[in-house]
Amino acid sequence: MSVAKDLHTSRIAHLDISGHVVVRAEATVAEVLDLMRENKAGAVLIGDDDNMLAGIFTERDALMKVVEDPATWTRSITEFMTTAPQTVSLYETVGDALHMMNAGHYRNAPVLDTDGRIVGNVDHRMMIQFLTDRFPREIYNLPPDPEQIPRTKEGA
């Protein structure tokens, strides 16, 4: 199967979107940053009591909005999150999500179910993994410079 066909037939539901982090709007910036560090997460989804998406706070938000001002760390995450981010559903194709993420320069796209509840997050690493899984021999065996041809064997 070709990569293009896979992009248009594989659904978001086929990806492992379980590694997302959700916090409530009452969380402080410091708490969210700690969770991001602990979970090695590039984004945290902010949800309400019904698990409906209120916003997203990403590494980019941390760098652009709070990192230089420690006074912001005790404030609510809602002051710094991106409200109403673009989202994808479980039934959209990976190609649709990739197109949306590329067009908007997003590294994360919250995944919502049909009722609008948070079920996961698609990030750029998932997309790269999806693409490289489709042609591993070509990707994993490339030398750092494809034009470079080794003249001697590597190793001992």
Protein backbone atom coordinates (compact mmCIF):
# COMPACT_ATOMS: atom_id res chain seq x y z
CA MET A 1 0.00 0.00 0.00
CA SER A 2 1.34 3.46 -0.80
CA VAL A 3 1.96 6.18 1.76
CA ALA A 4 -0.61 8.43 0.06
CA LYS A 5 -3.26 5.73 0.22
CA ASP A 6 -2.47 5.04 3.88
CA LEU A 7 -2.80 8.74 4.68
CA HIS A 8 -6.27 8.80 3.14
CA THR A 9 -7.54 5.52 4.59
CA SER A 10 -6.00 5.28 8.09
CA ARG A 11 -8.10 6.88 10.80
CA ILE A 12 -6.94 8.74 13.89
CA ALA A 13 -8.58 5.94 15.88
CA HIS A 14 -5.81 3.62 14.59
CA LEU A 15 -3.09 5.71 16.28
CA ASP A 16 -2.05 5.35 19.92
CA ILE A 17 -3.40 8.62 21.30
CA SER A 18 -3.50 7.45 24.92
CA GLY A 19 -0.42 9.32 26.18
CA HIS A 20 -2.12 12.68 26.59
CA VAL A 21 -2.26 14.79 29.76
CA VAL A 22 -5.43 16.60 30.85
CA VAL A 23 -5.69 19.17 33.64
CA ARG A 24 -8.56 21.24 34.96
CA ALA A 25 -8.71 25.00 34.49
CA GLU A 26 -7.87 25.58 38.16
CA ALA A 27 -4.29 24.33 37.66
CA THR A 28 -1.44 26.80 37.93
CA VAL A 29 1.23 27.29 35.32
CA ALA A 30 3.81 25.68 37.64
CA GLU A 31 1.64 22.58 38.11
CA VAL A 32 1.17 22.25 34.36
CA LEU A 33 4.88 22.68 33.67
CA ASP A 34 5.66 19.99 36.27
CA LEU A 35 3.17 17.63 34.59
CA MET A 36 4.68 18.32 31.19
CA ARG A 37 8.15 17.54 32.52
CA GLU A 38 7.05 14.40 34.39
CA ASN A 39 5.13 13.01 31.42
CA LYS A 40 7.57 14.24 28.77
CA ALA A 41 4.56 15.87 27.12
CA GLY A 42 4.78 18.63 24.55
CA ALA A 43 1.25 19.76 25.36
CA VAL A 44 -1.37 19.60 28.06
CA LEU A 45 -5.08 19.66 27.30
CA ILE A 46 -7.25 21.74 29.60
CA GLY A 47 -10.64 20.17 30.24
CA ASP A 48 -13.69 20.98 32.31
CA ASP A 49 -15.53 18.70 34.73
CA ASP A 50 -17.30 16.95 31.83
CA ASN A 51 -13.97 16.39 30.01
CA MET A 52 -14.87 18.97 27.36
CA LEU A 53 -11.92 20.79 25.84
CA ALA A 54 -11.35 24.31 27.19
CA GLY A 55 -7.92 24.84 25.65
CA ILE A 56 -4.39 23.62 25.13
CA PHE A 57 -1.08 24.69 26.63
CA THR A 58 2.01 23.72 24.61
CA GLU A 59 5.77 23.98 24.81
CA ARG A 60 5.51 26.95 22.49
CA ASP A 61 3.12 28.68 24.93
CA ALA A 62 5.55 28.03 27.76
CA LEU A 63 8.47 29.50 25.84
CA MET A 64 6.61 32.49 24.45
CA LYS A 65 4.37 33.42 27.38
CA VAL A 66 5.73 32.32 30.75
CA VAL A 67 9.35 31.19 30.79
CA GLU A 68 10.88 34.64 31.24
CA ASP A 69 8.54 35.75 34.03
CA PRO A 70 8.54 33.51 37.13
CA ALA A 71 5.69 35.61 38.57
CA THR A 72 3.37 33.97 36.03
CA TRP A 73 4.04 30.50 37.41
CA THR A 74 1.50 30.89 40.23
CA ARG A 75 -1.27 32.15 37.95
CA SER A 76 -4.02 30.08 36.37
CA ILE A 77 -3.20 28.16 33.20
CA THR A 78 -6.33 29.60 31.61
CA GLU A 79 -4.55 32.96 31.28
CA PHE A 80 -1.91 31.43 29.00
CA MET A 81 -3.58 28.54 27.21
CA THR A 82 -4.78 28.66 23.63
CA THR A 83 -8.57 28.66 23.71
CA ALA A 84 -10.65 26.89 21.06
CA PRO A 85 -7.76 25.06 19.36
CA GLN A 86 -8.41 23.23 16.13
CA THR A 87 -9.24 19.61 16.83
CA VAL A 88 -9.65 16.31 15.02
CA SER A 89 -12.06 13.45 15.57
CA LEU A 90 -11.33 9.76 15.87
CA TYR A 91 -12.90 9.19 12.47
CA GLU A 92 -10.87 11.71 10.48
CA THR A 93 -8.02 10.37 8.40
CA VAL A 94 -4.40 10.74 9.37
CA GLY A 95 -3.93 12.70 6.12
CA ASP A 96 -6.63 15.20 7.13
CA ALA A 97 -5.01 15.69 10.53
CA LEU A 98 -1.56 16.04 8.98
CA HIS A 99 -2.86 18.60 6.48
CA MET A 100 -4.55 20.62 9.24
CA MET A 101 -1.46 20.51 11.45
CA ASN A 102 0.82 21.49 8.58
CA ALA A 103 -1.41 24.35 7.40
CA GLY A 104 -1.73 25.79 10.91
CA HIS A 105 1.88 25.06 11.95
CA TYR A 106 0.58 22.99 14.88
CA ARG A 107 2.62 20.36 16.65
CA ASN A 108 -0.44 19.09 18.55
CA ALA A 109 -4.07 18.46 17.70
CA PRO A 110 -6.53 17.48 20.45
CA VAL A 111 -8.71 14.49 19.55
CA LEU A 112 -12.38 14.66 20.51
CA ASP A 113 -15.11 12.03 20.40
CA THR A 114 -18.48 12.60 18.73
CA ASP A 115 -19.79 14.29 21.91
CA GLY A 116 -16.86 16.71 21.99
CA ARG A 117 -15.06 15.06 24.90
CA ILE A 118 -11.28 14.74 25.06
CA VAL A 119 -10.00 11.30 24.05
CA GLY A 120 -6.41 12.07 23.12
CA ASN A 121 -3.85 14.23 21.43
CA VAL A 122 -2.08 13.75 18.10
CA ASP A 123 1.38 15.25 18.02
CA HIS A 124 4.10 15.71 15.43
CA ARG A 125 6.05 12.68 16.68
CA MET A 126 3.06 10.42 15.97
CA MET A 127 2.87 11.78 12.45
CA ILE A 128 6.57 11.22 11.85
CA GLN A 129 6.28 7.68 13.25
CA PHE A 130 3.25 6.99 11.03
CA LEU A 131 5.15 8.13 7.94
CA THR A 132 8.40 6.33 8.72
CA ASP A 133 6.53 3.10 9.45
CA ARG A 134 5.28 3.16 5.85
CA PHE A 135 8.75 2.97 4.32
CA PRO A 136 11.20 1.91 7.04
CA ARG A 137 13.89 0.50 4.73
CA GLU A 138 14.28 3.76 2.87
CA ILE A 139 14.17 5.96 5.98
CA TYR A 140 16.15 3.95 8.51
CA ASN A 141 18.96 3.04 6.10
CA LEU A 142 19.72 6.52 4.80
CA PRO A 143 23.20 7.81 5.58
CA PRO A 144 23.33 11.32 7.08
CA ASP A 145 24.12 12.63 3.58
CA PRO A 146 22.35 10.52 0.91
CA GLU A 147 25.05 11.47 -1.62
CA GLN A 148 27.81 10.31 0.70
CA ILE A 149 29.11 6.85 -0.05
CA PRO A 150 31.28 5.24 2.64
CA ARG A 151 34.74 4.27 1.33
CA THR A 152 35.58 1.95 4.25
CA LYS A 153 33.67 -0.33 6.59
CA GLU A 154 32.53 1.22 9.86
CA GLY A 155 33.32 -0.35 13.20
CA ALA A 156 36.32 -2.10 14.68
